[in-house]
Amino acid sequence: MNNTTISTKAPKIGGLDAAKRSLGELDWRRYVIYIGFVVVFIFFAVLLRDQGFLSPTNLLNIFRQTATITVIAVGMTYVIACAEIDLSVGSTAGLSSVCTAMALSQWGLVPGILAGLAVGLVVGSINGALVSLLGIPSFLVTLGMLGIAVGVAQWITASAPQPILNDTFNMLFGSGNFGPVPGLIVWSAIFVAIGAVVLSRTKFGRQVLATGGNRTASDFTGINTKRIKFQVLLISGMVASVAGMLYAGRLQSGRFQWGTGDELSAIAAVILGGTSLFGGAGSVVGTLFGALLIGLINNGLILAGLDSSQQQVVRGAIIILAVALARKK
């Protein structure tokens, strides 16, 4: 009887130990963004239930207002997963909006779009070449490019806004709807879908993660890590230029101020979304929820009556939290 009792209890104890080990090995950092999103949403839903937080219009506005940051953050996910950084995305977006607006007024729709994309191509290529070929740290290169891009945008416009009167452009890039869905949400969904598939399902995505995880080992396995670094910075520049055109279409003007500070919001969204600040791991879907969480907080703070200075304090706290929760290699 005793032997039977012991033998029947042993599997239970073993199963309990296995469950404990599984919980201990669970990487909770991978899910913290989803947990945080739900907690913050419930908090504001209860606190601001009388201010219209849960109204369909307000919830749609959250998605619309975070769409541009989401687009930028998708490109930033590749850069950070590759163990690099791009501080020039916000100023690139502003310069792209200005060049698009000026080209639209002079030559029309297609040249305007090409001019905006050309900004991202040039900025991304310069950033990528300096980092990959000359070995200059991406932090320093893109910090310098931040100042150059915003200075050029301010210089060529004499700090004046450039109105966009092309209704087709405005409809395609932010002001219009694709059926019942706002165009900005469609653009962000497209970028998230493509970015997630490429990063997780393609050879290029695996090479990006490998380069960020261990560059030396990647070199030995035949991965051209210099080319990968160039490509991720080029992608980031191109994506930022599209974001600039989305700003221009939504606000129907090009201004050098568009995109100011977006680099910090994008970095916070990426790190909160589970991409390792040290490279080697990345999640585009997590980045989407990181951007939505920031938009959710901004929207809730506005409805709660906080002024802009107090909102800046909270955004700064989000950056610190993002770094504190950064996944280690």
Protein backbone atom coordinates (compact mmCIF):
# COMPACT_ATOMS: atom_id res chain seq x y z
CA MET A 1 0.00 0.00 0.00
CA ASN A 2 2.74 2.44 0.91
CA ASN A 3 4.69 1.62 -2.24
CA THR A 4 1.57 2.17 -4.30
CA THR A 5 0.91 5.50 -2.62
CA ILE A 6 4.45 6.68 -3.21
CA SER A 7 4.39 5.62 -6.84
CA THR A 8 1.12 7.42 -7.53
CA LYS A 9 2.25 10.64 -5.90
CA ALA A 10 5.65 10.77 -7.56
CA PRO A 11 4.34 11.70 -11.02
CA LYS A 12 2.27 14.50 -9.48
CA ILE A 13 5.31 15.93 -7.77
CA GLY A 14 7.30 15.58 -10.96
CA GLY A 15 4.55 17.27 -12.94
CA LEU A 16 4.42 20.11 -10.42
CA ASP A 17 8.18 20.57 -10.63
CA ALA A 18 8.01 20.58 -14.43
CA ALA A 19 5.28 23.22 -14.33
CA LYS A 20 7.35 25.38 -12.00
CA ARG A 21 10.38 25.03 -14.26
CA SER A 22 8.29 25.99 -17.27
CA LEU A 23 7.03 29.11 -15.53
CA GLY A 24 10.53 29.99 -14.42
CA GLU A 25 11.86 29.65 -17.97
CA LEU A 26 9.01 31.68 -19.47
CA ASP A 27 10.32 34.88 -21.04
CA TRP A 28 7.74 37.25 -19.53
CA ARG A 29 9.39 40.22 -21.23
CA ARG A 30 8.03 38.94 -24.53
CA TYR A 31 4.46 39.46 -23.32
CA VAL A 32 4.83 42.54 -21.14
CA ILE A 33 3.66 44.89 -23.90
CA TYR A 34 0.38 43.01 -24.34
CA ILE A 35 -0.21 42.85 -20.60
CA GLY A 36 0.66 46.53 -20.26
CA PHE A 37 -1.65 47.49 -23.12
CA VAL A 38 -4.61 45.70 -21.55
CA VAL A 39 -3.90 47.16 -18.09
CA VAL A 40 -3.57 50.73 -19.39
CA PHE A 41 -6.67 50.37 -21.56
CA ILE A 42 -8.77 49.15 -18.64
CA PHE A 43 -7.36 51.89 -16.39
CA PHE A 44 -8.35 54.69 -18.77
CA ALA A 45 -11.64 53.03 -19.64
CA VAL A 46 -12.65 53.11 -15.96
CA LEU A 47 -11.12 56.51 -15.17
CA LEU A 48 -12.41 58.32 -18.26
CA ARG A 49 -15.67 56.51 -18.88
CA ASP A 50 -17.57 59.80 -18.70
CA GLN A 51 -15.16 61.64 -21.04
CA GLY A 52 -15.91 59.48 -24.05
CA PHE A 53 -12.74 57.38 -23.97
CA LEU A 54 -14.55 54.25 -25.14
CA SER A 55 -16.51 55.97 -27.89
CA PRO A 56 -15.87 54.51 -31.38
CA THR A 57 -14.77 57.92 -32.61
CA ASN A 58 -12.13 58.29 -29.91
CA LEU A 59 -10.82 54.75 -30.34
CA LEU A 60 -10.56 55.32 -34.09
CA ASN A 61 -8.68 58.55 -33.42
CA ILE A 62 -6.11 56.63 -31.35
CA PHE A 63 -5.39 54.35 -34.30
CA ARG A 64 -5.29 57.29 -36.70
CA GLN A 65 -3.00 59.39 -34.51
CA THR A 66 -0.52 56.56 -33.97
CA ALA A 67 -0.45 55.41 -37.59
CA THR A 68 2.50 57.57 -38.63
CA ILE A 69 4.57 56.60 -35.59
CA THR A 70 3.73 52.96 -36.31
CA VAL A 71 5.04 53.26 -39.86
CA ILE A 72 8.30 54.85 -38.66
CA ALA A 73 8.64 52.28 -35.89
CA VAL A 74 8.40 49.37 -38.34
CA GLY A 75 11.58 50.58 -40.04
CA MET A 76 13.16 51.28 -36.65
CA THR A 77 12.48 47.68 -35.61
CA TYR A 78 14.87 46.44 -38.30
CA VAL A 79 17.54 48.97 -37.30
CA ILE A 80 17.44 48.15 -33.58
CA ALA A 81 17.17 44.40 -34.21
CA CYS A 82 20.42 44.82 -36.16
CA ALA A 83 21.98 46.46 -33.06
CA GLU A 84 22.00 49.93 -34.64
CA ILE A 85 20.00 53.13 -34.05
CA ASP A 86 18.50 55.80 -36.31
CA LEU A 87 17.91 59.20 -34.73
CA SER A 88 17.25 60.93 -38.06
CA VAL A 89 13.82 59.45 -38.86
CA GLY A 90 11.81 62.39 -37.51
CA SER A 91 13.77 65.04 -39.40
CA THR A 92 13.76 62.84 -42.51
CA ALA A 93 9.97 62.76 -42.35
CA GLY A 94 9.88 66.57 -42.07
CA LEU A 95 12.24 67.04 -45.02
CA SER A 96 10.26 64.53 -47.07
CA SER A 97 7.01 66.39 -46.40
CA VAL A 98 8.58 69.66 -47.51
CA CYS A 99 10.14 68.25 -50.69
CA THR A 100 6.91 66.46 -51.56
CA ALA A 101 4.86 69.63 -51.13
CA MET A 102 7.25 71.73 -53.22
CA ALA A 103 7.45 69.15 -56.02
CA LEU A 104 3.67 68.72 -56.03
CA SER A 105 3.13 72.44 -56.55
CA GLN A 106 5.67 72.56 -59.38
CA TRP A 107 5.31 69.30 -61.30
CA GLY A 108 2.29 67.34 -60.04
CA LEU A 109 1.42 64.09 -58.29
CA VAL A 110 3.97 61.53 -59.48
CA PRO A 111 7.04 63.81 -59.28
CA GLY A 112 5.87 64.88 -55.81
CA ILE A 113 5.73 61.30 -54.59
CA LEU A 114 9.10 60.51 -56.17
CA ALA A 115 10.64 63.59 -54.54
CA GLY A 116 9.46 62.45 -51.12
CA LEU A 117 10.84 58.96 -51.65
CA ALA A 118 14.12 60.39 -52.95
CA VAL A 119 14.66 62.09 -49.59
CA GLY A 120 14.52 58.75 -47.80
CA LEU A 121 16.73 57.14 -50.43
CA VAL A 122 19.44 59.80 -50.08
CA VAL A 123 19.32 60.04 -46.28
CA GLY A 124 19.18 56.28 -45.79
CA SER A 125 22.02 55.69 -48.26
CA ILE A 126 24.27 58.25 -46.60
CA ASN A 127 23.54 56.87 -43.13
CA GLY A 128 24.09 53.31 -44.29
CA ALA A 129 27.32 54.07 -46.15
CA LEU A 130 28.89 55.95 -43.25
CA VAL A 131 27.99 53.21 -40.78
CA SER A 132 28.73 50.12 -42.86
CA LEU A 133 31.68 51.28 -44.95
CA LEU A 134 33.44 53.74 -42.66
CA GLY A 135 32.49 52.09 -39.39
CA ILE A 136 31.19 55.27 -37.76
CA PRO A 137 28.72 54.50 -34.94
CA SER A 138 25.13 54.85 -36.13
CA PHE A 139 24.28 56.98 -33.10
CA LEU A 140 26.72 59.68 -34.19
CA VAL A 141 25.91 59.45 -37.90
CA THR A 142 22.16 59.70 -37.48
CA LEU A 143 22.44 62.36 -34.80
CA GLY A 144 24.36 64.49 -37.26
CA MET A 145 21.88 63.68 -40.03
CA LEU A 146 19.04 64.76 -37.74
CA GLY A 147 20.48 68.28 -37.66
CA ILE A 148 21.28 68.32 -41.37
CA ALA A 149 17.83 67.21 -42.50
CA VAL A 150 15.88 69.60 -40.30
CA GLY A 151 18.26 72.44 -41.26
CA VAL A 152 17.85 71.78 -44.99
CA ALA A 153 14.06 71.59 -44.64
CA GLN A 154 13.98 74.89 -42.78
CA TRP A 155 16.45 76.50 -45.18
CA ILE A 156 14.71 75.67 -48.46
CA THR A 157 11.32 76.80 -47.16
CA ALA A 158 12.51 79.83 -45.18
CA SER A 159 10.61 78.23 -42.25
CA ALA A 160 7.31 78.74 -44.09
CA PRO A 161 4.69 76.00 -44.47
CA GLN A 162 4.22 74.58 -47.97
CA PRO A 163 0.51 74.06 -48.68
CA ILE A 164 -0.64 71.00 -50.62
CA LEU A 165 -3.67 71.58 -52.84
CA ASN A 166 -3.53 68.30 -54.72
CA ASP A 167 -6.70 66.50 -53.62
CA THR A 168 -5.59 63.15 -55.01
CA PHE A 169 -2.38 63.19 -52.99
CA ASN A 170 -4.19 64.28 -49.84
CA MET A 171 -6.75 61.51 -50.25
CA LEU A 172 -4.13 58.80 -50.86
CA PHE A 173 -1.76 59.90 -48.10
CA GLY A 174 -3.82 60.47 -45.03
CA SER A 175 -6.92 62.57 -45.56
CA GLY A 176 -9.09 60.04 -47.39
CA ASN A 177 -10.61 56.67 -46.60
CA PHE A 178 -10.27 53.30 -48.30
CA GLY A 179 -13.89 52.27 -48.05
CA PRO A 180 -14.96 52.65 -44.41
CA VAL A 181 -11.37 52.50 -43.14
CA PRO A 182 -9.24 55.67 -42.75
CA GLY A 183 -6.30 55.72 -45.13
CA LEU A 184 -3.76 56.18 -42.36
CA ILE A 185 -4.86 52.95 -40.70
CA VAL A 186 -4.60 51.11 -44.02
CA TRP A 187 -1.06 52.42 -44.55
CA SER A 188 0.05 51.36 -41.07
CA ALA A 189 -1.56 47.92 -41.48
CA ILE A 190 0.27 47.39 -44.78
CA PHE A 191 3.64 48.33 -43.29
CA VAL A 192 3.10 46.17 -40.20
CA ALA A 193 2.02 43.15 -42.26
CA ILE A 194 4.94 43.40 -44.69
CA GLY A 195 7.44 44.17 -41.93
CA ALA A 196 6.30 41.25 -39.77
CA VAL A 197 6.42 38.73 -42.62
CA VAL A 198 9.83 39.86 -43.89
CA LEU A 199 11.44 39.88 -40.43
CA SER A 200 10.13 36.50 -39.31
CA ARG A 201 9.70 34.53 -42.53
CA THR A 202 12.48 35.52 -44.93
CA LYS A 203 16.22 34.97 -45.27
CA PHE A 204 16.81 38.71 -45.04
CA GLY A 205 14.94 38.93 -41.74
CA ARG A 206 16.96 36.06 -40.29
CA GLN A 207 20.18 37.75 -41.42
CA VAL A 208 19.14 41.00 -39.74
CA LEU A 209 18.56 39.20 -36.45
CA ALA A 210 21.77 37.21 -36.78
CA THR A 211 23.79 40.35 -37.48
CA GLY A 212 22.34 42.05 -34.43
CA GLY A 213 22.77 38.99 -32.25
CA ASN A 214 26.42 38.26 -33.03
CA ARG A 215 28.14 40.08 -35.86
CA THR A 216 31.35 38.05 -35.64
CA ALA A 217 29.54 34.74 -35.83
CA SER A 218 27.42 36.06 -38.70
CA ASP A 219 30.55 37.01 -40.64
CA PHE A 220 31.90 33.48 -40.21
CA THR A 221 28.64 31.98 -41.51
CA GLY A 222 28.90 33.99 -44.72
CA ILE A 223 26.46 36.81 -43.95
CA ASN A 224 27.56 40.14 -45.40
CA THR A 225 26.95 42.12 -42.22
CA LYS A 226 28.07 45.40 -43.76
CA ARG A 227 25.47 45.05 -46.48
CA ILE A 228 22.79 44.16 -43.91
CA LYS A 229 23.59 47.29 -41.87
CA PHE A 230 23.44 49.42 -45.00
CA GLN A 231 20.11 47.91 -45.98
CA VAL A 232 18.39 48.36 -42.62
CA LEU A 233 19.38 52.03 -42.46
CA LEU A 234 18.23 52.49 -46.05
CA ILE A 235 14.90 50.87 -45.17
CA SER A 236 14.55 53.14 -42.16
CA GLY A 237 15.17 56.23 -44.29
CA MET A 238 12.69 55.14 -46.96
CA VAL A 239 10.02 54.31 -44.39
CA ALA A 240 10.55 57.67 -42.70
CA SER A 241 10.08 59.43 -46.03
CA VAL A 242 6.73 57.67 -46.49
CA ALA A 243 5.77 58.78 -42.99
CA GLY A 244 6.63 62.35 -44.02
CA MET A 245 4.25 62.06 -46.96
CA LEU A 246 1.56 60.76 -44.62
CA TYR A 247 2.07 63.84 -42.46
CA ALA A 248 1.84 66.02 -45.56
CA GLY A 249 -1.33 64.33 -46.79
CA ARG A 250 -3.09 64.34 -43.42
CA LEU A 251 -2.20 67.94 -42.59
CA GLN A 252 -2.28 69.09 -46.24
CA SER A 253 1.05 70.88 -45.98
CA GLY A 254 4.76 70.27 -45.74
CA ARG A 255 6.63 71.67 -42.74
CA PHE A 256 10.06 71.10 -41.32
CA GLN A 257 8.45 70.61 -37.89
CA TRP A 258 6.58 67.47 -38.95
CA GLY A 259 8.15 64.47 -37.33
CA THR A 260 9.94 66.38 -34.58
CA GLY A 261 10.52 64.01 -31.67
CA ASP A 262 9.15 61.00 -33.53
CA GLU A 263 12.49 59.21 -33.26
CA LEU A 264 12.05 58.95 -29.49
CA SER A 265 8.47 57.73 -29.75
CA ALA A 266 9.46 55.17 -32.39
CA ILE A 267 12.38 53.87 -30.32
CA ALA A 268 10.14 53.58 -27.26
CA ALA A 269 7.50 51.71 -29.27
CA VAL A 270 10.09 49.30 -30.64
CA ILE A 271 11.70 48.52 -27.27
CA LEU A 272 8.37 48.25 -25.48
CA GLY A 273 7.26 45.90 -28.25
CA GLY A 274 9.94 43.36 -27.38
CA THR A 275 12.79 44.18 -29.75
CA SER A 276 16.10 43.90 -27.95
CA LEU A 277 17.93 47.20 -27.55
CA PHE A 278 21.12 45.15 -27.95
CA GLY A 279 20.05 43.50 -31.20
CA GLY A 280 19.31 39.92 -32.14
CA ALA A 281 15.57 39.87 -31.37
CA GLY A 282 12.67 41.78 -32.86
CA SER A 283 8.89 41.79 -33.19
CA VAL A 284 7.01 44.03 -35.62
CA VAL A 285 3.65 43.04 -34.11
CA GLY A 286 5.01 43.96 -30.69
CA THR A 287 6.12 47.29 -32.16
CA LEU A 288 2.55 47.93 -33.30
CA PHE A 289 1.27 47.40 -29.76
CA GLY A 290 4.09 49.55 -28.41
CA ALA A 291 3.00 52.42 -30.67
CA LEU A 292 -0.66 51.89 -29.75
CA LEU A 293 0.24 51.91 -26.05
CA ILE A 294 1.98 55.27 -26.42
CA GLY A 295 -0.98 56.62 -28.39
CA LEU A 296 -3.36 55.25 -25.78
CA ILE A 297 -1.46 57.01 -22.99
CA ASN A 298 -1.28 60.29 -24.92
CA ASN A 299 -5.01 60.18 -25.64
CA GLY A 300 -5.87 59.33 -22.04
CA LEU A 301 -3.69 62.14 -20.68
CA ILE A 302 -5.34 64.66 -22.98
CA LEU A 303 -8.83 63.56 -21.95
CA ALA A 304 -7.73 63.67 -18.31
CA GLY A 305 -6.86 67.34 -18.74
CA LEU A 306 -3.06 67.22 -18.46
CA ASP A 307 -1.18 69.98 -20.24
CA SER A 308 1.59 69.44 -22.77
CA SER A 309 4.42 69.77 -20.26
CA GLN A 310 2.93 67.04 -18.07
CA GLN A 311 2.47 64.84 -21.12
CA GLN A 312 6.17 65.30 -21.93
CA VAL A 313 7.05 64.07 -18.45
CA VAL A 314 5.02 60.92 -18.96
CA ARG A 315 6.54 60.33 -22.41
CA GLY A 316 10.01 60.63 -20.86
CA ALA A 317 9.04 58.09 -18.25
CA ILE A 318 7.94 55.74 -21.04
CA ILE A 319 11.40 55.99 -22.64
CA ILE A 320 13.04 55.09 -19.32
CA LEU A 321 10.61 52.22 -18.81
CA ALA A 322 11.35 50.98 -22.32
CA VAL A 323 15.07 50.81 -21.62
CA ALA A 324 14.50 49.19 -18.22
CA LEU A 325 12.41 46.47 -19.81
CA ALA A 326 14.75 45.99 -22.78
CA ARG A 327 15.38 42.31 -23.42
CA LYS A 328 18.95 41.26 -22.76
CA LYS A 329 20.85 39.00 -25.12
